[in-house]
Amino acid sequence: FGMIDPIDLPRAANNYKKDKCAIPYKLAETTGLKYKHLDIFDLFLNRLGAALQWYKSPKHTIVAADEEKKVLAWVRSGCIFAINFHPHNEQTDLRIDLPKGTDLAREVVVALDTE
């Protein structure tokens, strides 16, 4: 995700070099590239994860997976995640059936929106 060059994992043929298998953090500081946006998105996700504690639950339940619409949604630790991977189409009327036992009495809020 976000690689400019082809990925080349460390192996005997490349003398186990690691320089082509990870995104250098300095790219986030390069003007003209969008890596700063990825860096900020990563920061938001980590802070949101710390606040909502979804990492505490090892289990998740996939509640929507639509290859044609390019949508994936899952529930983990009381949080609902819905991701639209489509490069052009917004999903404004997406219906997600939540698993039985999901607490719907509490208020649902959008914690992070990237549209």
PDB file of N, CA and C in Angstrom:
ATOM      1  N   PHE A   1       0.847  -1.177   0.000  1.00  0.00           N
ATOM      2  CA  PHE A   1       0.000   0.000   0.000  1.00  0.00           C
ATOM      3  C   PHE A   1       0.887   1.232   0.000  1.00  0.00           C
ATOM      4  N   GLY A   2       0.808   1.993  -1.044  1.00  0.00           N
ATOM      5  CA  GLY A   2       1.549   3.231  -1.092  1.00  0.00           C
ATOM      6  C   GLY A   2       2.981   3.115  -1.574  1.00  0.00           C
ATOM      7  N   MET A   3       3.382   1.961  -2.084  1.00  0.00           N
ATOM      8  CA  MET A   3       4.765   1.797  -2.546  1.00  0.00           C
ATOM      9  C   MET A   3       4.934   2.424  -3.930  1.00  0.00           C
ATOM     10  N   ILE A   4       6.030   3.140  -4.132  1.00  0.00           N
ATOM     11  CA  ILE A   4       6.357   3.705  -5.436  1.00  0.00           C
ATOM     12  C   ILE A   4       7.030   2.642  -6.290  1.00  0.00           C
ATOM     13  N   ASP A   5       7.999   1.961  -5.720  1.00  0.00           N
ATOM     14  CA  ASP A   5       8.771   0.942  -6.420  1.00  0.00           C
ATOM     15  C   ASP A   5       8.209  -0.442  -6.121  1.00  0.00           C
ATOM     16  N   PRO A   6       8.587  -1.439  -6.936  1.00  0.00           N
ATOM     17  CA  PRO A   6       8.153  -2.810  -6.649  1.00  0.00           C
ATOM     18  C   PRO A   6       8.676  -3.273  -5.287  1.00  0.00           C
ATOM     19  N   ILE A   7       7.893  -4.110  -4.624  1.00  0.00           N
ATOM     20  CA  ILE A   7       8.295  -4.665  -3.330  1.00  0.00           C
ATOM     21  C   ILE A   7       9.242  -5.832  -3.572  1.00  0.00           C
ATOM     22  N   ASP A   8      10.323  -5.885  -2.834  1.00  0.00           N
ATOM     23  CA  ASP A   8      11.285  -6.982  -2.915  1.00  0.00           C
ATOM     24  C   ASP A   8      11.638  -7.389  -1.491  1.00  0.00           C
ATOM     25  N   LEU A   9      10.985  -8.430  -1.011  1.00  0.00           N
ATOM     26  CA  LEU A   9      11.215  -8.886   0.358  1.00  0.00           C
ATOM     27  C   LEU A   9      12.623  -9.441   0.518  1.00  0.00           C
ATOM     28  N   PRO A  10      13.183  -9.344   1.716  1.00  0.00           N
ATOM     29  CA  PRO A  10      14.533  -9.872   1.945  1.00  0.00           C
ATOM     30  C   PRO A  10      14.609 -11.362   1.607  1.00  0.00           C
ATOM     31  N   ARG A  11      15.630 -11.711   0.815  1.00  0.00           N
ATOM     32  CA  ARG A  11      15.851 -13.105   0.409  1.00  0.00           C
ATOM     33  C   ARG A  11      17.302 -13.252  -0.013  1.00  0.00           C
ATOM     34  N   ALA A  12      17.729 -14.479  -0.224  1.00  0.00           N
ATOM     35  CA  ALA A  12      19.132 -14.747  -0.563  1.00  0.00           C
ATOM     36  C   ALA A  12      19.549 -14.018  -1.842  1.00  0.00           C
ATOM     37  N   ALA A  13      18.665 -13.957  -2.847  1.00  0.00           N
ATOM     38  CA  ALA A  13      19.003 -13.346  -4.135  1.00  0.00           C
ATOM     39  C   ALA A  13      19.293 -11.851  -4.035  1.00  0.00           C
ATOM     40  N   ASN A  14      18.747 -11.159  -3.036  1.00  0.00           N
ATOM     41  CA  ASN A  14      19.039  -9.731  -2.880  1.00  0.00           C
ATOM     42  C   ASN A  14      19.877  -9.470  -1.630  1.00  0.00           C
ATOM     43  N   ASN A  15      20.571 -10.509  -1.185  1.00  0.00           N
ATOM     44  CA  ASN A  15      21.467 -10.425  -0.028  1.00  0.00           C
ATOM     45  C   ASN A  15      20.718  -9.970   1.232  1.00  0.00           C
ATOM     46  N   TYR A  16      19.447 -10.361   1.325  1.00  0.00           N
ATOM     47  CA  TYR A  16      18.594 -10.078   2.483  1.00  0.00           C
ATOM     48  C   TYR A  16      18.469  -8.584   2.792  1.00  0.00           C
ATOM     49  N   LYS A  17      18.489  -7.771   1.749  1.00  0.00           N
ATOM     50  CA  LYS A  17      18.317  -6.328   1.930  1.00  0.00           C
ATOM     51  C   LYS A  17      16.864  -6.013   2.268  1.00  0.00           C
ATOM     52  N   LYS A  18      16.677  -5.051   3.155  1.00  0.00           N
ATOM     53  CA  LYS A  18      15.336  -4.674   3.599  1.00  0.00           C
ATOM     54  C   LYS A  18      14.875  -3.336   3.025  1.00  0.00           C
ATOM     55  N   ASP A  19      15.701  -2.692   2.212  1.00  0.00           N
ATOM     56  CA  ASP A  19      15.372  -1.345   1.746  1.00  0.00           C
ATOM     57  C   ASP A  19      14.208  -1.297   0.755  1.00  0.00           C
ATOM     58  N   LYS A  20      13.859  -2.413   0.119  1.00  0.00           N
ATOM     59  CA  LYS A  20      12.761  -2.427  -0.855  1.00  0.00           C
ATOM     60  C   LYS A  20      11.498  -3.096  -0.318  1.00  0.00           C
ATOM     61  N   CYS A  21      11.436  -3.332   0.990  1.00  0.00           N
ATOM     62  CA  CYS A  21      10.270  -4.044   1.530  1.00  0.00           C
ATOM     63  C   CYS A  21       9.437  -3.187   2.477  1.00  0.00           C
ATOM     64  N   ALA A  22       9.792  -1.943   2.657  1.00  0.00           N
ATOM     65  CA  ALA A  22       9.032  -1.068   3.554  1.00  0.00           C
ATOM     66  C   ALA A  22       9.054   0.355   3.011  1.00  0.00           C
ATOM     67  N   ILE A  23       8.039   1.106   3.360  1.00  0.00           N
ATOM     68  CA  ILE A  23       7.970   2.504   2.942  1.00  0.00           C
ATOM     69  C   ILE A  23       8.834   3.334   3.884  1.00  0.00           C
ATOM     70  N   PRO A  24       9.823   4.064   3.361  1.00  0.00           N
ATOM     71  CA  PRO A  24      10.638   4.912   4.232  1.00  0.00           C
ATOM     72  C   PRO A  24       9.795   6.034   4.856  1.00  0.00           C
ATOM     73  N   TYR A  25       9.934   6.223   6.149  1.00  0.00           N
ATOM     74  CA  TYR A  25       9.159   7.252   6.846  1.00  0.00           C
ATOM     75  C   TYR A  25       9.456   8.652   6.327  1.00  0.00           C
ATOM     76  N   LYS A  26      10.636   8.873   5.784  1.00  0.00           N
ATOM     77  CA  LYS A  26      10.991  10.204   5.296  1.00  0.00           C
ATOM     78  C   LYS A  26      10.129  10.641   4.107  1.00  0.00           C
ATOM     79  N   LEU A  27       9.465   9.683   3.425  1.00  0.00           N
ATOM     80  CA  LEU A  27       8.606  10.052   2.302  1.00  0.00           C
ATOM     81  C   LEU A  27       7.432  10.917   2.747  1.00  0.00           C
ATOM     82  N   ALA A  28       7.024  10.794   4.001  1.00  0.00           N
ATOM     83  CA  ALA A  28       5.918  11.610   4.520  1.00  0.00           C
ATOM     84  C   ALA A  28       6.285  13.087   4.543  1.00  0.00           C
ATOM     85  N   GLU A  29       7.559  13.388   4.531  1.00  0.00           N
ATOM     86  CA  GLU A  29       8.019  14.778   4.567  1.00  0.00           C
ATOM     87  C   GLU A  29       8.299  15.337   3.176  1.00  0.00           C
ATOM     88  N   THR A  30       8.182  14.498   2.131  1.00  0.00           N
ATOM     89  CA  THR A  30       8.494  14.919   0.776  1.00  0.00           C
ATOM     90  C   THR A  30       7.322  15.690   0.176  1.00  0.00           C
ATOM     91  N   THR A  31       7.551  16.936  -0.194  1.00  0.00           N
ATOM     92  CA  THR A  31       6.517  17.771  -0.797  1.00  0.00           C
ATOM     93  C   THR A  31       6.143  17.202  -2.162  1.00  0.00           C
ATOM     94  N   GLY A  32       4.855  17.204  -2.465  1.00  0.00           N
ATOM     95  CA  GLY A  32       4.398  16.723  -3.763  1.00  0.00           C
ATOM     96  C   GLY A  32       3.906  15.288  -3.742  1.00  0.00           C
ATOM     97  N   LEU A  33       4.252  14.540  -2.719  1.00  0.00           N
ATOM     98  CA  LEU A  33       3.769  13.169  -2.589  1.00  0.00           C
ATOM     99  C   LEU A  33       2.633  13.138  -1.575  1.00  0.00           C
ATOM    100  N   LYS A  34       1.833  12.102  -1.623  1.00  0.00           N
ATOM    101  CA  LYS A  34       0.673  11.990  -0.730  1.00  0.00           C
ATOM    102  C   LYS A  34       0.980  11.163   0.515  1.00  0.00           C
ATOM    103  N   TYR A  35       2.232  10.850   0.765  1.00  0.00           N
ATOM    104  CA  TYR A  35       2.574  10.022   1.925  1.00  0.00           C
ATOM    105  C   TYR A  35       2.254  10.722   3.242  1.00  0.00           C
ATOM    106  N   LYS A  36       2.263  12.039   3.253  1.00  0.00           N
ATOM    107  CA  LYS A  36       1.886  12.772   4.462  1.00  0.00           C
ATOM    108  C   LYS A  36       0.444  12.446   4.838  1.00  0.00           C
ATOM    109  N   HIS A  37      -0.410  12.294   3.820  1.00  0.00           N
ATOM    110  CA  HIS A  37      -1.811  11.951   4.060  1.00  0.00           C
ATOM    111  C   HIS A  37      -1.913  10.559   4.688  1.00  0.00           C
ATOM    112  N   LEU A  38      -1.121   9.606   4.196  1.00  0.00           N
ATOM    113  CA  LEU A  38      -1.113   8.260   4.782  1.00  0.00           C
ATOM    114  C   LEU A  38      -0.595   8.298   6.213  1.00  0.00           C
ATOM    115  N   ASP A  39       0.396   9.122   6.452  1.00  0.00           N
ATOM    116  CA  ASP A  39       0.966   9.261   7.794  1.00  0.00           C
ATOM    117  C   ASP A  39      -0.084   9.803   8.773  1.00  0.00           C
ATOM    118  N   ILE A  40      -0.833  10.803   8.344  1.00  0.00           N
ATOM    119  CA  ILE A  40      -1.879  11.388   9.191  1.00  0.00           C
ATOM    120  C   ILE A  40      -3.011  10.384   9.408  1.00  0.00           C
ATOM    121  N   PHE A  41      -3.395   9.656   8.357  1.00  0.00           N
ATOM    122  CA  PHE A  41      -4.437   8.633   8.478  1.00  0.00           C
ATOM    123  C   PHE A  41      -4.008   7.558   9.479  1.00  0.00           C
ATOM    124  N   ASP A  42      -2.769   7.135   9.408  1.00  0.00           N
ATOM    125  CA  ASP A  42      -2.232   6.151  10.351  1.00  0.00           C
ATOM    126  C   ASP A  42      -2.294   6.687  11.784  1.00  0.00           C
ATOM    127  N   LEU A  43      -1.949   7.948  11.964  1.00  0.00           N
ATOM    128  CA  LEU A  43      -2.023   8.582  13.281  1.00  0.00           C
ATOM    129  C   LEU A  43      -3.463   8.594  13.804  1.00  0.00           C
ATOM    130  N   PHE A  44      -4.412   8.981  12.945  1.00  0.00           N
ATOM    131  CA  PHE A  44      -5.823   8.995  13.352  1.00  0.00           C
ATOM    132  C   PHE A  44      -6.292   7.607  13.766  1.00  0.00           C
ATOM    133  N   LEU A  45      -5.952   6.587  12.973  1.00  0.00           N
ATOM    134  CA  LEU A  45      -6.378   5.223  13.299  1.00  0.00           C
ATOM    135  C   LEU A  45      -5.809   4.759  14.631  1.00  0.00           C
ATOM    136  N   ASN A  46      -4.551   5.036  14.870  1.00  0.00           N
ATOM    137  CA  ASN A  46      -3.933   4.611  16.127  1.00  0.00           C
ATOM    138  C   ASN A  46      -4.533   5.331  17.333  1.00  0.00           C
ATOM    139  N   ARG A  47      -4.787   6.619  17.208  1.00  0.00           N
ATOM    140  CA  ARG A  47      -5.400   7.361  18.327  1.00  0.00           C
ATOM    141  C   ARG A  47      -6.844   6.928  18.559  1.00  0.00           C
ATOM    142  N   LEU A  48      -7.570   6.684  17.482  1.00  0.00           N
ATOM    143  CA  LEU A  48      -8.943   6.212  17.607  1.00  0.00           C
ATOM    144  C   LEU A  48      -8.979   4.819  18.227  1.00  0.00           C
ATOM    145  N   GLY A  49      -8.048   3.971  17.831  1.00  0.00           N
ATOM    146  CA  GLY A  49      -7.955   2.634  18.424  1.00  0.00           C
ATOM    147  C   GLY A  49      -7.662   2.696  19.909  1.00  0.00           C
ATOM    148  N   ALA A  50      -6.806   3.604  20.305  1.00  0.00           N
ATOM    149  CA  ALA A  50      -6.494   3.762  21.732  1.00  0.00           C
ATOM    150  C   ALA A  50      -7.712   4.278  22.497  1.00  0.00           C
ATOM    151  N   ALA A  51      -8.470   5.177  21.888  1.00  0.00           N
ATOM    152  CA  ALA A  51      -9.642   5.747  22.566  1.00  0.00           C
ATOM    153  C   ALA A  51     -10.797   4.755  22.660  1.00  0.00           C
ATOM    154  N   LEU A  52     -11.040   4.004  21.592  1.00  0.00           N
ATOM    155  CA  LEU A  52     -12.195   3.101  21.560  1.00  0.00           C
ATOM    156  C   LEU A  52     -11.860   1.667  21.976  1.00  0.00           C
ATOM    157  N   GLN A  53     -10.588   1.371  22.110  1.00  0.00           N
ATOM    158  CA  GLN A  53     -10.129   0.070  22.623  1.00  0.00           C
ATOM    159  C   GLN A  53     -10.587  -1.129  21.788  1.00  0.00           C
ATOM    160  N   TRP A  54     -10.675  -0.988  20.459  1.00  0.00           N
ATOM    161  CA  TRP A  54     -11.113  -2.133  19.669  1.00  0.00           C
ATOM    162  C   TRP A  54     -10.036  -3.215  19.582  1.00  0.00           C
ATOM    163  N   TYR A  55      -8.805  -2.874  19.918  1.00  0.00           N
ATOM    164  CA  TYR A  55      -7.722  -3.862  19.886  1.00  0.00           C
ATOM    165  C   TYR A  55      -7.843  -4.896  21.002  1.00  0.00           C
ATOM    166  N   LYS A  56      -8.633  -4.599  22.018  1.00  0.00           N
ATOM    167  CA  LYS A  56      -8.756  -5.512  23.155  1.00  0.00           C
ATOM    168  C   LYS A  56      -9.461  -6.813  22.783  1.00  0.00           C
ATOM    169  N   SER A  57     -10.307  -6.781  21.785  1.00  0.00           N
ATOM    170  CA  SER A  57     -11.036  -7.978  21.377  1.00  0.00           C
ATOM    171  C   SER A  57     -10.334  -8.634  20.192  1.00  0.00           C
ATOM    172  N   PRO A  58      -9.938  -9.903  20.336  1.00  0.00           N
ATOM    173  CA  PRO A  58      -9.275 -10.574  19.225  1.00  0.00           C
ATOM    174  C   PRO A  58     -10.257 -11.031  18.140  1.00  0.00           C
ATOM    175  N   LYS A  59     -11.556 -11.009  18.442  1.00  0.00           N
ATOM    176  CA  LYS A  59     -12.554 -11.509  17.498  1.00  0.00           C
ATOM    177  C   LYS A  59     -13.200 -10.375  16.716  1.00  0.00           C
ATOM    178  N   HIS A  60     -13.498 -10.674  15.469  1.00  0.00           N
ATOM    179  CA  HIS A  60     -14.261  -9.757  14.631  1.00  0.00           C
ATOM    180  C   HIS A  60     -15.279 -10.578  13.838  1.00  0.00           C
ATOM    181  N   THR A  61     -16.308  -9.914  13.360  1.00  0.00           N
ATOM    182  CA  THR A  61     -17.324 -10.559  12.543  1.00  0.00           C
ATOM    183  C   THR A  61     -17.512  -9.739  11.278  1.00  0.00           C
ATOM    184  N   ILE A  62     -17.309 -10.362  10.127  1.00  0.00           N
ATOM    185  CA  ILE A  62     -17.536  -9.677   8.855  1.00  0.00           C
ATOM    186  C   ILE A  62     -19.038  -9.621   8.612  1.00  0.00           C
ATOM    187  N   VAL A  63     -19.561  -8.426   8.399  1.00  0.00           N
ATOM    188  CA  VAL A  63     -21.002  -8.240   8.224  1.00  0.00           C
ATOM    189  C   VAL A  63     -21.376  -7.818   6.801  1.00  0.00           C
ATOM    190  N   ALA A  64     -20.408  -7.440   5.994  1.00  0.00           N
ATOM    191  CA  ALA A  64     -20.659  -7.116   4.585  1.00  0.00           C
ATOM    192  C   ALA A  64     -19.357  -7.262   3.815  1.00  0.00           C
ATOM    193  N   ALA A  65     -19.436  -7.966   2.700  1.00  0.00           N
ATOM    194  CA  ALA A  65     -18.291  -8.113   1.801  1.00  0.00           C
ATOM    195  C   ALA A  65     -18.851  -8.172   0.386  1.00  0.00           C
ATOM    196  N   ASP A  66     -18.732  -7.088  -0.344  1.00  0.00           N
ATOM    197  CA  ASP A  66     -19.295  -6.992  -1.684  1.00  0.00           C
ATOM    198  C   ASP A  66     -18.179  -6.639  -2.662  1.00  0.00           C
ATOM    199  N   GLU A  67     -17.754  -7.634  -3.434  1.00  0.00           N
ATOM    200  CA  GLU A  67     -16.646  -7.441  -4.379  1.00  0.00           C
ATOM    201  C   GLU A  67     -17.020  -6.445  -5.478  1.00  0.00           C
ATOM    202  N   GLU A  68     -18.262  -6.495  -5.948  1.00  0.00           N
ATOM    203  CA  GLU A  68     -18.686  -5.605  -7.027  1.00  0.00           C
ATOM    204  C   GLU A  68     -18.709  -4.142  -6.582  1.00  0.00           C
ATOM    205  N   LYS A  69     -19.252  -3.892  -5.384  1.00  0.00           N
ATOM    206  CA  LYS A  69     -19.302  -2.524  -4.856  1.00  0.00           C
ATOM    207  C   LYS A  69     -17.988  -2.112  -4.205  1.00  0.00           C
ATOM    208  N   LYS A  70     -17.107  -3.072  -3.983  1.00  0.00           N
ATOM    209  CA  LYS A  70     -15.806  -2.829  -3.336  1.00  0.00           C
ATOM    210  C   LYS A  70     -15.990  -2.332  -1.902  1.00  0.00           C
ATOM    211  N   VAL A  71     -16.853  -3.022  -1.155  1.00  0.00           N
ATOM    212  CA  VAL A  71     -17.186  -2.642   0.216  1.00  0.00           C
ATOM    213  C   VAL A  71     -16.880  -3.797   1.161  1.00  0.00           C
ATOM    214  N   LEU A  72     -16.328  -3.460   2.310  1.00  0.00           N
ATOM    215  CA  LEU A  72     -16.073  -4.436   3.365  1.00  0.00           C
ATOM    216  C   LEU A  72     -16.484  -3.800   4.688  1.00  0.00           C
ATOM    217  N   ALA A  73     -17.223  -4.558   5.503  1.00  0.00           N
ATOM    218  CA  ALA A  73     -17.644  -4.057   6.819  1.00  0.00           C
ATOM    219  C   ALA A  73     -17.511  -5.176   7.839  1.00  0.00           C
ATOM    220  N   TRP A  74     -17.108  -4.799   9.066  1.00  0.00           N
ATOM    221  CA  TRP A  74     -16.976  -5.779  10.131  1.00  0.00           C
ATOM    222  C   TRP A  74     -17.245  -5.113  11.470  1.00  0.00           C
ATOM    223  N   VAL A  75     -17.507  -5.944  12.473  1.00  0.00           N
ATOM    224  CA  VAL A  75     -17.756  -5.483  13.840  1.00  0.00           C
ATOM    225  C   VAL A  75     -16.665  -6.072  14.717  1.00  0.00           C
ATOM    226  N   ARG A  76     -16.088  -5.226  15.566  1.00  0.00           N
ATOM    227  CA  ARG A  76     -15.063  -5.682  16.507  1.00  0.00           C
ATOM    228  C   ARG A  76     -15.155  -4.837  17.768  1.00  0.00           C
ATOM    229  N   SER A  77     -15.281  -5.491  18.880  1.00  0.00           N
ATOM    230  CA  SER A  77     -15.276  -4.838  20.187  1.00  0.00           C
ATOM    231  C   SER A  77     -16.276  -3.681  20.274  1.00  0.00           C
ATOM    232  N   GLY A  78     -17.480  -3.900  19.736  1.00  0.00           N
ATOM    233  CA  GLY A  78     -18.520  -2.880  19.809  1.00  0.00           C
ATOM    234  C   GLY A  78     -18.404  -1.777  18.782  1.00  0.00           C
ATOM    235  N   CYS A  79     -17.406  -1.838  17.914  1.00  0.00           N
ATOM    236  CA  CYS A  79     -17.224  -0.827  16.870  1.00  0.00           C
ATOM    237  C   CYS A  79     -17.593  -1.426  15.515  1.00  0.00           C
ATOM    238  N   ILE A  80     -18.209  -0.628  14.673  1.00  0.00           N
ATOM    239  CA  ILE A  80     -18.571  -1.045  13.324  1.00  0.00           C
ATOM    240  C   ILE A  80     -17.622  -0.344  12.360  1.00  0.00           C
ATOM    241  N   PHE A  81     -16.968  -1.121  11.518  1.00  0.00           N
ATOM    242  CA  PHE A  81     -16.045  -0.581  10.523  1.00  0.00           C
ATOM    243  C   PHE A  81     -16.652  -0.819   9.142  1.00  0.00           C
ATOM    244  N   ALA A  82     -16.752   0.197   8.331  1.00  0.00           N
ATOM    245  CA  ALA A  82     -17.248   0.065   6.962  1.00  0.00           C
ATOM    246  C   ALA A  82     -16.272   0.798   6.049  1.00  0.00           C
ATOM    247  N   ILE A  83     -15.698   0.066   5.121  1.00  0.00           N
ATOM    248  CA  ILE A  83     -14.674   0.620   4.235  1.00  0.00           C
ATOM    249  C   ILE A  83     -15.164   0.533   2.789  1.00  0.00           C
ATOM    250  N   ASN A  84     -15.092   1.643   2.085  1.00  0.00           N
ATOM    251  CA  ASN A  84     -15.418   1.693   0.666  1.00  0.00           C
ATOM    252  C   ASN A  84     -14.099   1.772  -0.103  1.00  0.00           C
ATOM    253  N   PHE A  85     -13.759   0.698  -0.802  1.00  0.00           N
ATOM    254  CA  PHE A  85     -12.514   0.655  -1.563  1.00  0.00           C
ATOM    255  C   PHE A  85     -12.705   1.091  -3.014  1.00  0.00           C
ATOM    256  N   HIS A  86     -13.931   1.445  -3.385  1.00  0.00           N
ATOM    257  CA  HIS A  86     -14.175   1.827  -4.775  1.00  0.00           C
ATOM    258  C   HIS A  86     -13.518   3.177  -5.050  1.00  0.00           C
ATOM    259  N   PRO A  87     -12.803   3.299  -6.162  1.00  0.00           N
ATOM    260  CA  PRO A  87     -12.080   4.549  -6.432  1.00  0.00           C
ATOM    261  C   PRO A  87     -12.974   5.734  -6.793  1.00  0.00           C
ATOM    262  N   HIS A  88     -14.243   5.470  -7.201  1.00  0.00           N
ATOM    263  CA  HIS A  88     -15.092   6.570  -7.654  1.00  0.00           C
ATOM    264  C   HIS A  88     -16.458   6.640  -6.975  1.00  0.00           C
ATOM    265  N   ASN A  89     -17.062   5.510  -6.672  1.00  0.00           N
ATOM    266  CA  ASN A  89     -18.448   5.486  -6.196  1.00  0.00           C
ATOM    267  C   ASN A  89     -18.558   5.641  -4.686  1.00  0.00           C
ATOM    268  N   GLU A  90     -19.435   6.563  -4.264  1.00  0.00           N
ATOM    269  CA  GLU A  90     -19.781   6.682  -2.842  1.00  0.00           C
ATOM    270  C   GLU A  90     -20.849   5.653  -2.523  1.00  0.00           C
ATOM    271  N   GLN A  91     -20.861   5.169  -1.298  1.00  0.00           N
ATOM    272  CA  GLN A  91     -21.886   4.226  -0.860  1.00  0.00           C
ATOM    273  C   GLN A  91     -22.791   4.952   0.129  1.00  0.00           C
ATOM    274  N   THR A  92     -23.831   5.593  -0.371  1.00  0.00           N
ATOM    275  CA  THR A  92     -24.699   6.393   0.492  1.00  0.00           C
ATOM    276  C   THR A  92     -25.861   5.595   1.070  1.00  0.00           C
ATOM    277  N   ASP A  93     -26.247   4.512   0.427  1.00  0.00           N
ATOM    278  CA  ASP A  93     -27.394   3.718   0.882  1.00  0.00           C
ATOM    279  C   ASP A  93     -26.987   2.301   1.262  1.00  0.00           C
ATOM    280  N   LEU A  94     -25.810   2.125   1.770  1.00  0.00           N
ATOM    281  CA  LEU A  94     -25.319   0.794   2.124  1.00  0.00           C
ATOM    282  C   LEU A  94     -26.057   0.271   3.351  1.00  0.00           C
ATOM    283  N   ARG A  95     -26.548  -0.950   3.261  1.00  0.00           N
ATOM    284  CA  ARG A  95     -27.234  -1.591   4.384  1.00  0.00           C
ATOM    285  C   ARG A  95     -26.296  -2.643   4.969  1.00  0.00           C
ATOM    286  N   ILE A  96     -26.132  -2.588   6.281  1.00  0.00           N
ATOM    287  CA  ILE A  96     -25.277  -3.545   6.988  1.00  0.00           C
ATOM    288  C   ILE A  96     -26.125  -4.255   8.031  1.00  0.00           C
ATOM    289  N   ASP A  97     -26.211  -5.565   7.927  1.00  0.00           N
ATOM    290  CA  ASP A  97     -26.924  -6.366   8.920  1.00  0.00           C
ATOM    291  C   ASP A  97     -25.948  -6.730  10.031  1.00  0.00           C
ATOM    292  N   LEU A  98     -26.218  -6.242  11.227  1.00  0.00           N
ATOM    293  CA  LEU A  98     -25.324  -6.478  12.363  1.00  0.00           C
ATOM    294  C   LEU A  98     -25.604  -7.837  12.989  1.00  0.00           C
ATOM    295  N   PRO A  99     -24.593  -8.430  13.609  1.00  0.00           N
ATOM    296  CA  PRO A  99     -24.789  -9.738  14.239  1.00  0.00           C
ATOM    297  C   PRO A  99     -25.794  -9.668  15.385  1.00  0.00           C
ATOM    298  N   LYS A 100     -26.452 -10.795  15.642  1.00  0.00           N
ATOM    299  CA  LYS A 100     -27.383 -10.865  16.773  1.00  0.00           C
ATOM    300  C   LYS A 100     -26.623 -10.572  18.052  1.00  0.00           C
ATOM    301  N   GLY A 101     -27.278  -9.854  18.949  1.00  0.00           N
ATOM    302  CA  GLY A 101     -26.651  -9.514  20.221  1.00  0.00           C
ATOM    303  C   GLY A 101     -25.921  -8.188  20.205  1.00  0.00           C
ATOM    304  N   THR A 102     -25.862  -7.527  19.043  1.00  0.00           N
ATOM    305  CA  THR A 102     -25.214  -6.218  18.971  1.00  0.00           C
ATOM    306  C   THR A 102     -26.068  -5.202  19.722  1.00  0.00           C
ATOM    307  N   ASP A 103     -25.434  -4.433  20.584  1.00  0.00           N
ATOM    308  CA  ASP A 103     -26.139  -3.441  21.402  1.00  0.00           C
ATOM    309  C   ASP A 103     -26.502  -2.232  20.545  1.00  0.00           C
ATOM    310  N   LEU A 104     -27.771  -2.164  20.143  1.00  0.00           N
ATOM    311  CA  LEU A 104     -28.234  -1.046  19.324  1.00  0.00           C
ATOM    312  C   LEU A 104     -28.884   0.048  20.153  1.00  0.00           C
ATOM    313  N   ALA A 105     -28.932  -0.144  21.475  1.00  0.00           N
ATOM    314  CA  ALA A 105     -29.546   0.859  22.347  1.00  0.00           C
ATOM    315  C   ALA A 105     -28.660   2.093  22.485  1.00  0.00           C
ATOM    316  N   ARG A 106     -27.366   1.930  22.317  1.00  0.00           N
ATOM    317  CA  ARG A 106     -26.492   3.094  22.453  1.00  0.00           C
ATOM    318  C   ARG A 106     -26.418   3.862  21.137  1.00  0.00           C
ATOM    319  N   GLU A 107     -26.026   5.091  21.260  1.00  0.00           N
ATOM    320  CA  GLU A 107     -25.954   5.968  20.100  1.00  0.00           C
ATOM    321  C   GLU A 107     -24.809   5.543  19.188  1.00  0.00           C
ATOM    322  N   VAL A 108     -25.070   5.555  17.885  1.00  0.00           N
ATOM    323  CA  VAL A 108     -24.048   5.234  16.895  1.00  0.00           C
ATOM    324  C   VAL A 108     -23.520   6.555  16.338  1.00  0.00           C
ATOM    325  N   VAL A 109     -22.209   6.734  16.364  1.00  0.00           N
ATOM    326  CA  VAL A 109     -21.593   7.953  15.843  1.00  0.00           C
ATOM    327  C   VAL A 109     -20.511   7.581  14.836  1.00  0.00           C
ATOM    328  N   VAL A 110     -20.281   8.458  13.893  1.00  0.00           N
ATOM    329  CA  VAL A 110     -19.186   8.281  12.945  1.00  0.00           C
ATOM    330  C   VAL A 110     -17.936   8.838  13.604  1.00  0.00           C
ATOM    331  N   ALA A 111     -16.959   7.973  13.843  1.00  0.00           N
ATOM    332  CA  ALA A 111     -15.736   8.396  14.522  1.00  0.00           C
ATOM    333  C   ALA A 111     -14.661   8.840  13.538  1.00  0.00           C
ATOM    334  N   LEU A 112     -14.682   8.299  12.323  1.00  0.00           N
ATOM    335  CA  LEU A 112     -13.687   8.671  11.316  1.00  0.00           C
ATOM    336  C   LEU A 112     -14.313   8.504   9.943  1.00  0.00           C
ATOM    337  N   ASP A 113     -14.294   9.552   9.146  1.00  0.00           N
ATOM    338  CA  ASP A 113     -14.854   9.533   7.801  1.00  0.00           C
ATOM    339  C   ASP A 113     -13.800  10.099   6.863  1.00  0.00           C
ATOM    340  N   THR A 114     -13.481   9.364   5.810  1.00  0.00           N
ATOM    341  CA  THR A 114     -12.423   9.807   4.903  1.00  0.00           C
ATOM    342  C   THR A 114     -12.954  10.315   3.567  1.00  0.00           C
ATOM    343  N   GLU A 115     -14.253  10.459   3.435  1.00  0.00           N
ATOM    344  CA  GLU A 115     -14.816  10.964   2.171  1.00  0.00           C
ATOM    345  C   GLU A 115     -14.388  12.389   1.933  1.00  0.00           C
TER     346      GLU A 115
END
